[in-house]
PDB file of N, CA and C in Angstrom:
ATOM      1  N   UNK A   1      -3.453  -9.592   2.440  1.00  0.00           N
ATOM      2  CA  UNK A   1      -3.883  -8.894   3.620  1.00  0.00           C
ATOM      3  C   UNK A   1      -4.873  -7.808   3.221  1.00  0.00           C
ATOM      4  N   UNK A   2      -5.965  -7.726   3.925  1.00  0.00           N
ATOM      5  CA  UNK A   2      -6.917  -6.659   3.674  1.00  0.00           C
ATOM      6  C   UNK A   2      -6.576  -5.446   4.530  1.00  0.00           C
ATOM      7  N   UNK A   3      -6.758  -4.278   3.958  1.00  0.00           N
ATOM      8  CA  UNK A   3      -6.402  -3.026   4.619  1.00  0.00           C
ATOM      9  C   UNK A   3      -7.671  -2.306   5.059  1.00  0.00           C
ATOM     10  N   UNK A   4      -7.666  -1.804   6.303  1.00  0.00           N
ATOM     11  CA  UNK A   4      -8.804  -1.056   6.808  1.00  0.00           C
ATOM     12  C   UNK A   4      -8.606   0.447   6.758  1.00  0.00           C
ATOM     13  N   UNK A   5      -7.355   0.865   6.823  1.00  0.00           N
ATOM     14  CA  UNK A   5      -7.054   2.303   6.856  1.00  0.00           C
ATOM     15  C   UNK A   5      -5.747   2.546   6.114  1.00  0.00           C
ATOM     16  N   UNK A   6      -5.702   3.625   5.311  1.00  0.00           N
ATOM     17  CA  UNK A   6      -4.501   3.911   4.536  1.00  0.00           C
ATOM     18  C   UNK A   6      -4.303   5.410   4.414  1.00  0.00           C
ATOM     19  N   UNK A   7      -3.066   5.847   4.634  1.00  0.00           N
ATOM     20  CA  UNK A   7      -2.703   7.237   4.380  1.00  0.00           C
ATOM     21  C   UNK A   7      -1.557   7.257   3.379  1.00  0.00           C
ATOM     22  N   UNK A   8      -1.580   8.269   2.550  1.00  0.00           N
ATOM     23  CA  UNK A   8      -0.533   8.496   1.572  1.00  0.00           C
ATOM     24  C   UNK A   8       0.021   9.891   1.821  1.00  0.00           C
ATOM     25  N   UNK A   9       1.266   9.966   2.278  1.00  0.00           N
ATOM     26  CA  UNK A   9       1.884  11.262   2.603  1.00  0.00           C
ATOM     27  C   UNK A   9       0.992  12.074   3.542  1.00  0.00           C
ATOM     28  N   UNK A  10       0.505  11.445   4.605  1.00  0.00           N
ATOM     29  CA  UNK A  10      -0.346  12.065   5.634  1.00  0.00           C
ATOM     30  C   UNK A  10      -1.728  12.456   5.120  1.00  0.00           C
ATOM     31  N   UNK A  11      -2.119  11.986   3.948  1.00  0.00           N
ATOM     32  CA  UNK A  11      -3.430  12.245   3.362  1.00  0.00           C
ATOM     33  C   UNK A  11      -4.228  10.947   3.449  1.00  0.00           C
ATOM     34  N   UNK A  12      -5.239  10.884   4.340  1.00  0.00           N
ATOM     35  CA  UNK A  12      -5.986   9.643   4.528  1.00  0.00           C
ATOM     36  C   UNK A  12      -7.016   9.442   3.423  1.00  0.00           C
ATOM     37  N   UNK A  13      -7.023   8.241   2.859  1.00  0.00           N
ATOM     38  CA  UNK A  13      -8.005   7.879   1.840  1.00  0.00           C
ATOM     39  C   UNK A  13      -9.204   7.232   2.524  1.00  0.00           C
ATOM     40  N   UNK A  14     -10.397   7.512   2.022  1.00  0.00           N
ATOM     41  CA  UNK A  14     -11.624   6.914   2.514  1.00  0.00           C
ATOM     42  C   UNK A  14     -11.764   5.563   1.809  1.00  0.00           C
ATOM     43  N   UNK A  15     -11.261   4.509   2.437  1.00  0.00           N
ATOM     44  CA  UNK A  15     -11.109   3.204   1.810  1.00  0.00           C
ATOM     45  C   UNK A  15     -12.431   2.450   1.732  1.00  0.00           C
ATOM     46  N   UNK A  16     -12.811   2.058   0.515  1.00  0.00           N
ATOM     47  CA  UNK A  16     -13.934   1.142   0.323  1.00  0.00           C
ATOM     48  C   UNK A  16     -13.395  -0.292   0.320  1.00  0.00           C
ATOM     49  N   UNK A  17     -12.239  -0.488  -0.313  1.00  0.00           N
ATOM     50  CA  UNK A  17     -11.568  -1.784  -0.360  1.00  0.00           C
ATOM     51  C   UNK A  17     -10.083  -1.528  -0.582  1.00  0.00           C
ATOM     52  N   UNK A  18      -9.253  -2.304   0.073  1.00  0.00           N
ATOM     53  CA  UNK A  18      -7.811  -2.231  -0.160  1.00  0.00           C
ATOM     54  C   UNK A  18      -7.175  -3.541   0.269  1.00  0.00           C
ATOM     55  N   UNK A  19      -6.163  -3.947  -0.477  1.00  0.00           N
ATOM     56  CA  UNK A  19      -5.405  -5.126  -0.068  1.00  0.00           C
ATOM     57  C   UNK A  19      -3.930  -4.933  -0.390  1.00  0.00           C
ATOM     58  N   UNK A  20      -3.114  -5.744   0.280  1.00  0.00           N
ATOM     59  CA  UNK A  20      -1.669  -5.729   0.095  1.00  0.00           C
ATOM     60  C   UNK A  20      -1.268  -7.096  -0.435  1.00  0.00           C
ATOM     61  N   UNK A  21      -0.515  -7.088  -1.511  1.00  0.00           N
ATOM     62  CA  UNK A  21       0.010  -8.318  -2.091  1.00  0.00           C
ATOM     63  C   UNK A  21       1.514  -8.307  -1.863  1.00  0.00           C
ATOM     64  N   UNK A  22       2.031  -9.380  -1.247  1.00  0.00           N
ATOM     65  CA  UNK A  22       3.449  -9.452  -0.878  1.00  0.00           C
ATOM     66  C   UNK A  22       4.048 -10.740  -1.433  1.00  0.00           C
ATOM     67  N   UNK A  23       5.231 -10.622  -2.017  1.00  0.00           N
ATOM     68  CA  UNK A  23       5.993 -11.783  -2.479  1.00  0.00           C
ATOM     69  C   UNK A  23       7.241 -11.884  -1.612  1.00  0.00           C
ATOM     70  N   UNK A  24       7.447 -13.078  -1.044  1.00  0.00           N
ATOM     71  CA  UNK A  24       8.690 -13.359  -0.327  1.00  0.00           C
ATOM     72  C   UNK A  24       9.389 -14.462  -1.110  1.00  0.00           C
ATOM     73  N   UNK A  25      10.508 -14.122  -1.673  1.00  0.00           N
ATOM     74  CA  UNK A  25      11.236 -15.054  -2.537  1.00  0.00           C
ATOM     75  C   UNK A  25      11.945 -16.128  -1.710  1.00  0.00           C
ATOM     76  N   UNK A  26      12.139 -17.275  -2.329  1.00  0.00           N
ATOM     77  CA  UNK A  26      12.785 -18.402  -1.670  1.00  0.00           C
ATOM     78  C   UNK A  26      14.137 -17.981  -1.087  1.00  0.00           C
ATOM     79  N   UNK A  27      14.347 -18.328   0.156  1.00  0.00           N
ATOM     80  CA  UNK A  27      15.594 -17.999   0.842  1.00  0.00           C
ATOM     81  C   UNK A  27      15.603 -16.638   1.508  1.00  0.00           C
ATOM     82  N   UNK A  28      14.551 -15.834   1.320  1.00  0.00           N
ATOM     83  CA  UNK A  28      14.477 -14.500   1.922  1.00  0.00           C
ATOM     84  C   UNK A  28      13.560 -14.527   3.146  1.00  0.00           C
ATOM     85  N   UNK A  29      13.735 -13.568   4.044  1.00  0.00           N
ATOM     86  CA  UNK A  29      12.901 -13.491   5.245  1.00  0.00           C
ATOM     87  C   UNK A  29      11.766 -12.485   5.107  1.00  0.00           C
ATOM     88  N   UNK A  30      11.810 -11.685   4.056  1.00  0.00           N
ATOM     89  CA  UNK A  30      10.761 -10.691   3.825  1.00  0.00           C
ATOM     90  C   UNK A  30      10.761 -10.274   2.375  1.00  0.00           C
ATOM     91  N   UNK A  31       9.809  -9.439   2.001  1.00  0.00           N
ATOM     92  CA  UNK A  31       9.737  -9.000   0.608  1.00  0.00           C
ATOM     93  C   UNK A  31      10.878  -8.053   0.253  1.00  0.00           C
ATOM     94  N   UNK A  32      11.303  -8.090  -1.000  1.00  0.00           N
ATOM     95  CA  UNK A  32      12.281  -7.135  -1.493  1.00  0.00           C
ATOM     96  C   UNK A  32      11.625  -5.784  -1.716  1.00  0.00           C
ATOM     97  N   UNK A  33      12.411  -4.811  -2.091  1.00  0.00           N
ATOM     98  CA  UNK A  33      11.929  -3.435  -2.247  1.00  0.00           C
ATOM     99  C   UNK A  33      10.792  -3.310  -3.256  1.00  0.00           C
ATOM    100  N   UNK A  34      10.767  -4.150  -4.278  1.00  0.00           N
ATOM    101  CA  UNK A  34       9.723  -4.081  -5.312  1.00  0.00           C
ATOM    102  C   UNK A  34       8.788  -5.288  -5.277  1.00  0.00           C
ATOM    103  N   UNK A  35       8.775  -6.019  -4.178  1.00  0.00           N
ATOM    104  CA  UNK A  35       8.006  -7.259  -4.083  1.00  0.00           C
ATOM    105  C   UNK A  35       6.691  -7.109  -3.326  1.00  0.00           C
ATOM    106  N   UNK A  36       6.139  -5.912  -3.324  1.00  0.00           N
ATOM    107  CA  UNK A  36       4.834  -5.708  -2.686  1.00  0.00           C
ATOM    108  C   UNK A  36       4.070  -4.609  -3.413  1.00  0.00           C
ATOM    109  N   UNK A  37       2.747  -4.691  -3.335  1.00  0.00           N
ATOM    110  CA  UNK A  37       1.910  -3.664  -3.929  1.00  0.00           C
ATOM    111  C   UNK A  37       0.619  -3.529  -3.135  1.00  0.00           C
ATOM    112  N   UNK A  38       0.007  -2.370  -3.263  1.00  0.00           N
ATOM    113  CA  UNK A  38      -1.242  -2.066  -2.578  1.00  0.00           C
ATOM    114  C   UNK A  38      -2.265  -1.634  -3.615  1.00  0.00           C
ATOM    115  N   UNK A  39      -3.415  -2.289  -3.611  1.00  0.00           N
ATOM    116  CA  UNK A  39      -4.531  -1.944  -4.483  1.00  0.00           C
ATOM    117  C   UNK A  39      -5.613  -1.323  -3.618  1.00  0.00           C
ATOM    118  N   UNK A  40      -6.085  -0.139  -4.007  1.00  0.00           N
ATOM    119  CA  UNK A  40      -7.049   0.608  -3.198  1.00  0.00           C
ATOM    120  C   UNK A  40      -8.223   1.044  -4.070  1.00  0.00           C
ATOM    121  N   UNK A  41      -9.429   0.931  -3.524  1.00  0.00           N
ATOM    122  CA  UNK A  41     -10.608   1.567  -4.106  1.00  0.00           C
ATOM    123  C   UNK A  41     -11.121   2.533  -3.053  1.00  0.00           C
ATOM    124  N   UNK A  42     -11.186   3.818  -3.401  1.00  0.00           N
ATOM    125  CA  UNK A  42     -11.660   4.827  -2.451  1.00  0.00           C
ATOM    126  C   UNK A  42     -13.167   5.035  -2.639  1.00  0.00           C
ATOM    127  N   UNK A  43     -13.844   5.335  -1.536  1.00  0.00           N
ATOM    128  CA  UNK A  43     -15.290   5.535  -1.589  1.00  0.00           C
ATOM    129  C   UNK A  43     -15.654   6.793  -2.359  1.00  0.00           C
ATOM    130  N   UNK A  44     -14.891   7.835  -2.151  1.00  0.00           N
ATOM    131  CA  UNK A  44     -15.103   9.113  -2.823  1.00  0.00           C
ATOM    132  C   UNK A  44     -13.939   9.360  -3.773  1.00  0.00           C
ATOM    133  N   UNK A  45     -14.146  10.148  -4.826  1.00  0.00           N
ATOM    134  CA  UNK A  45     -13.018  10.476  -5.704  1.00  0.00           C
ATOM    135  C   UNK A  45     -11.876  11.107  -4.908  1.00  0.00           C
ATOM    136  N   UNK A  46     -10.677  10.666  -5.184  1.00  0.00           N
ATOM    137  CA  UNK A  46      -9.505  11.158  -4.449  1.00  0.00           C
ATOM    138  C   UNK A  46      -8.352  11.315  -5.432  1.00  0.00           C
ATOM    139  N   UNK A  47      -7.898  12.537  -5.595  1.00  0.00           N
ATOM    140  CA  UNK A  47      -6.791  12.803  -6.517  1.00  0.00           C
ATOM    141  C   UNK A  47      -5.463  12.544  -5.816  1.00  0.00           C
ATOM    142  N   UNK A  48      -4.645  11.755  -6.453  1.00  0.00           N
ATOM    143  CA  UNK A  48      -3.299  11.480  -5.970  1.00  0.00           C
ATOM    144  C   UNK A  48      -2.305  11.885  -7.047  1.00  0.00           C
ATOM    145  N   UNK A  49      -1.247  12.534  -6.641  1.00  0.00           N
ATOM    146  CA  UNK A  49      -0.214  12.975  -7.576  1.00  0.00           C
ATOM    147  C   UNK A  49       0.626  11.780  -8.016  1.00  0.00           C
ATOM    148  N   UNK A  50       0.985  11.706  -9.292  1.00  0.00           N
ATOM    149  CA  UNK A  50       1.891  10.657  -9.752  1.00  0.00           C
ATOM    150  C   UNK A  50       3.224  10.762  -9.014  1.00  0.00           C
ATOM    151  N   UNK A  51       3.903   9.642  -8.887  1.00  0.00           N
ATOM    152  CA  UNK A  51       5.222   9.647  -8.268  1.00  0.00           C
ATOM    153  C   UNK A  51       5.282   8.800  -7.017  1.00  0.00           C
ATOM    154  N   UNK A  52       6.232   9.124  -6.177  1.00  0.00           N
ATOM    155  CA  UNK A  52       6.520   8.361  -4.976  1.00  0.00           C
ATOM    156  C   UNK A  52       5.700   8.866  -3.790  1.00  0.00           C
ATOM    157  N   UNK A  53       5.180   7.918  -2.994  1.00  0.00           N
ATOM    158  CA  UNK A  53       4.352   8.249  -1.834  1.00  0.00           C
ATOM    159  C   UNK A  53       4.804   7.429  -0.630  1.00  0.00           C
ATOM    160  N   UNK A  54       4.737   8.025   0.529  1.00  0.00           N
ATOM    161  CA  UNK A  54       5.003   7.306   1.773  1.00  0.00           C
ATOM    162  C   UNK A  54       3.657   6.799   2.288  1.00  0.00           C
ATOM    163  N   UNK A  55       3.493   5.471   2.292  1.00  0.00           N
ATOM    164  CA  UNK A  55       2.231   4.863   2.705  1.00  0.00           C
ATOM    165  C   UNK A  55       2.296   4.374   4.139  1.00  0.00           C
ATOM    166  N   UNK A  56       1.190   4.541   4.842  1.00  0.00           N
ATOM    167  CA  UNK A  56       0.999   3.967   6.170  1.00  0.00           C
ATOM    168  C   UNK A  56      -0.361   3.298   6.126  1.00  0.00           C
ATOM    169  N   UNK A  57      -0.401   2.013   6.437  1.00  0.00           N
ATOM    170  CA  UNK A  57      -1.690   1.336   6.412  1.00  0.00           C
ATOM    171  C   UNK A  57      -1.808   0.350   7.550  1.00  0.00           C
ATOM    172  N   UNK A  58      -3.060   0.150   7.956  1.00  0.00           N
ATOM    173  CA  UNK A  58      -3.384  -0.800   9.008  1.00  0.00           C
ATOM    174  C   UNK A  58      -4.241  -1.894   8.402  1.00  0.00           C
ATOM    175  N   UNK A  59      -3.838  -3.140   8.638  1.00  0.00           N
ATOM    176  CA  UNK A  59      -4.605  -4.260   8.114  1.00  0.00           C
ATOM    177  C   UNK A  59      -5.791  -4.528   9.033  1.00  0.00           C
ATOM    178  N   UNK A  60      -6.743  -5.290   8.529  1.00  0.00           N
ATOM    179  CA  UNK A  60      -7.895  -5.662   9.350  1.00  0.00           C
ATOM    180  C   UNK A  60      -7.494  -6.562  10.514  1.00  0.00           C
ATOM    181  N   UNK A  61      -6.304  -7.178  10.405  1.00  0.00           N
ATOM    182  CA  UNK A  61      -5.776  -8.013  11.486  1.00  0.00           C
ATOM    183  C   UNK A  61      -5.058  -7.189  12.548  1.00  0.00           C
ATOM    184  N   UNK A  62      -4.966  -5.866  12.345  1.00  0.00           N
ATOM    185  CA  UNK A  62      -4.350  -4.988  13.336  1.00  0.00           C
ATOM    186  C   UNK A  62      -2.881  -4.699  13.117  1.00  0.00           C
ATOM    187  N   UNK A  63      -2.297  -5.173  12.010  1.00  0.00           N
ATOM    188  CA  UNK A  63      -0.895  -4.873  11.725  1.00  0.00           C
ATOM    189  C   UNK A  63      -0.760  -3.465  11.151  1.00  0.00           C
ATOM    190  N   UNK A  64       0.339  -2.815  11.481  1.00  0.00           N
ATOM    191  CA  UNK A  64       0.643  -1.486  10.933  1.00  0.00           C
ATOM    192  C   UNK A  64       1.873  -1.623  10.055  1.00  0.00           C
ATOM    193  N   UNK A  65       1.725  -1.239   8.781  1.00  0.00           N
ATOM    194  CA  UNK A  65       2.818  -1.356   7.821  1.00  0.00           C
ATOM    195  C   UNK A  65       3.094   0.010   7.207  1.00  0.00           C
ATOM    196  N   UNK A  66       4.354   0.246   6.880  1.00  0.00           N
ATOM    197  CA  UNK A  66       4.738   1.499   6.234  1.00  0.00           C
ATOM    198  C   UNK A  66       5.752   1.204   5.135  1.00  0.00           C
ATOM    199  N   UNK A  67       5.755   2.054   4.132  1.00  0.00           N
ATOM    200  CA  UNK A  67       6.745   1.902   3.076  1.00  0.00           C
ATOM    201  C   UNK A  67       6.553   2.927   1.974  1.00  0.00           C
ATOM    202  N   UNK A  68       7.619   3.164   1.252  1.00  0.00           N
ATOM    203  CA  UNK A  68       7.581   4.062   0.105  1.00  0.00           C
ATOM    204  C   UNK A  68       7.134   3.248  -1.101  1.00  0.00           C
ATOM    205  N   UNK A  69       6.201   3.839  -1.888  1.00  0.00           N
ATOM    206  CA  UNK A  69       5.679   3.153  -3.065  1.00  0.00           C
ATOM    207  C   UNK A  69       5.427   4.159  -4.184  1.00  0.00           C
ATOM    208  N   UNK A  70       5.509   3.661  -5.411  1.00  0.00           N
ATOM    209  CA  UNK A  70       5.215   4.482  -6.582  1.00  0.00           C
ATOM    210  C   UNK A  70       3.753   4.295  -6.967  1.00  0.00           C
ATOM    211  N   UNK A  71       3.079   5.388  -7.260  1.00  0.00           N
ATOM    212  CA  UNK A  71       1.717   5.313  -7.751  1.00  0.00           C
ATOM    213  C   UNK A  71       1.777   4.895  -9.216  1.00  0.00           C
ATOM    214  N   UNK A  72       1.316   3.681  -9.514  1.00  0.00           N
ATOM    215  CA  UNK A  72       1.386   3.140 -10.877  1.00  0.00           C
ATOM    216  C   UNK A  72       0.140   3.458 -11.684  1.00  0.00           C
ATOM    217  N   UNK A  73      -1.009   3.628 -10.990  1.00  0.00           N
ATOM    218  CA  UNK A  73      -2.268   3.897 -11.672  1.00  0.00           C
ATOM    219  C   UNK A  73      -3.227   4.571 -10.704  1.00  0.00           C
ATOM    220  N   UNK A  74      -3.999   5.526 -11.197  1.00  0.00           N
ATOM    221  CA  UNK A  74      -5.075   6.121 -10.414  1.00  0.00           C
ATOM    222  C   UNK A  74      -6.075   6.763 -11.366  1.00  0.00           C
ATOM    223  N   UNK A  75      -7.349   6.415 -11.188  1.00  0.00           N
ATOM    224  CA  UNK A  75      -8.401   7.067 -11.964  1.00  0.00           C
ATOM    225  C   UNK A  75      -9.324   7.889 -11.057  1.00  0.00           C
ATOM    226  N   UNK A  76      -8.884   8.124  -9.832  1.00  0.00           N
ATOM    227  CA  UNK A  76      -9.677   8.877  -8.869  1.00  0.00           C
ATOM    228  C   UNK A  76     -10.375   7.986  -7.858  1.00  0.00           C
ATOM    229  N   UNK A  77     -10.732   6.773  -8.257  1.00  0.00           N
ATOM    230  CA  UNK A  77     -11.353   5.801  -7.350  1.00  0.00           C
ATOM    231  C   UNK A  77     -10.468   4.578  -7.129  1.00  0.00           C
ATOM    232  N   UNK A  78      -9.816   4.125  -8.181  1.00  0.00           N
ATOM    233  CA  UNK A  78      -8.943   2.958  -8.081  1.00  0.00           C
ATOM    234  C   UNK A  78      -7.498   3.431  -8.153  1.00  0.00           C
ATOM    235  N   UNK A  79      -6.683   2.895  -7.240  1.00  0.00           N
ATOM    236  CA  UNK A  79      -5.294   3.326  -7.138  1.00  0.00           C
ATOM    237  C   UNK A  79      -4.419   2.080  -6.955  1.00  0.00           C
ATOM    238  N   UNK A  80      -3.298   2.039  -7.656  1.00  0.00           N
ATOM    239  CA  UNK A  80      -2.358   0.933  -7.535  1.00  0.00           C
ATOM    240  C   UNK A  80      -0.984   1.488  -7.202  1.00  0.00           C
ATOM    241  N   UNK A  81      -0.443   1.048  -6.079  1.00  0.00           N
ATOM    242  CA  UNK A  81       0.894   1.437  -5.641  1.00  0.00           C
ATOM    243  C   UNK A  81       1.807   0.219  -5.736  1.00  0.00           C
ATOM    244  N   UNK A  82       3.044   0.415  -6.195  1.00  0.00           N
ATOM    245  CA  UNK A  82       4.044  -0.645  -6.236  1.00  0.00           C
ATOM    246  C   UNK A  82       5.174  -0.266  -5.298  1.00  0.00           C
ATOM    247  N   UNK A  83       5.572  -1.213  -4.453  1.00  0.00           N
ATOM    248  CA  UNK A  83       6.637  -0.976  -3.488  1.00  0.00           C
ATOM    249  C   UNK A  83       7.895  -0.418  -4.121  1.00  0.00           C
ATOM    250  N   UNK A  84       8.525   0.513  -3.412  1.00  0.00           N
ATOM    251  CA  UNK A  84       9.772   1.120  -3.872  1.00  0.00           C
ATOM    252  C   UNK A  84      10.718   1.268  -2.695  1.00  0.00           C
ATOM    253  N   UNK A  85      10.689   0.277  -1.818  1.00  0.00           N
ATOM    254  CA  UNK A  85      11.533   0.295  -0.632  1.00  0.00           C
ATOM    255  C   UNK A  85      11.052  -0.766   0.345  1.00  0.00           C
ATOM    256  N   UNK A  86      11.652  -0.786   1.487  1.00  0.00           N
ATOM    257  CA  UNK A  86      11.335  -1.772   2.518  1.00  0.00           C
ATOM    258  C   UNK A  86       9.907  -1.602   3.015  1.00  0.00           C
ATOM    259  N   UNK A  87       9.212  -2.727   3.177  1.00  0.00           N
ATOM    260  CA  UNK A  87       7.878  -2.743   3.773  1.00  0.00           C
ATOM    261  C   UNK A  87       8.048  -2.996   5.271  1.00  0.00           C
ATOM    262  N   UNK A  88       8.054  -1.926   6.028  1.00  0.00           N
ATOM    263  CA  UNK A  88       8.315  -1.979   7.466  1.00  0.00           C
ATOM    264  C   UNK A  88       7.075  -2.504   8.195  1.00  0.00           C
ATOM    265  N   UNK A  89       7.284  -3.475   9.084  1.00  0.00           N
ATOM    266  CA  UNK A  89       6.203  -4.024   9.881  1.00  0.00           C
ATOM    267  C   UNK A  89       5.666  -5.348   9.367  1.00  0.00           C
ATOM    268  N   UNK A  90       6.136  -5.779   8.194  1.00  0.00           N
ATOM    269  CA  UNK A  90       5.646  -7.039   7.619  1.00  0.00           C
ATOM    270  C   UNK A  90       6.195  -8.222   8.403  1.00  0.00           C
ATOM    271  N   UNK A  91       5.308  -9.129   8.764  1.00  0.00           N
ATOM    272  CA  UNK A  91       5.711 -10.415   9.359  1.00  0.00           C
ATOM    273  C   UNK A  91       4.970 -11.512   8.617  1.00  0.00           C
ATOM    274  N   UNK A  92       5.641 -12.615   8.417  1.00  0.00           N
ATOM    275  CA  UNK A  92       5.054 -13.734   7.680  1.00  0.00           C
ATOM    276  C   UNK A  92       4.184 -14.565   8.580  1.00  0.00           C
TER     277      UNK A  92
END
């Protein structure tokens, strides 16, 4: 899923590119707590603190998803979040 808008702890990132990768394991109806991640490239440098973040994002298809995720990597422009809880709003 491509993301058009993303906020991290009420701090909106100026998104150049972002996508959500979701794994739904056989026999499950949705992703597990660690079965999703968000990759973001911001247009301008954006400092994010290491640790856990509450993400809210809107896909280009108009879906609104929320979830707690750990910031796994950030160099100011590229940011990788790994799910650390339920991805609310996900539909297959």
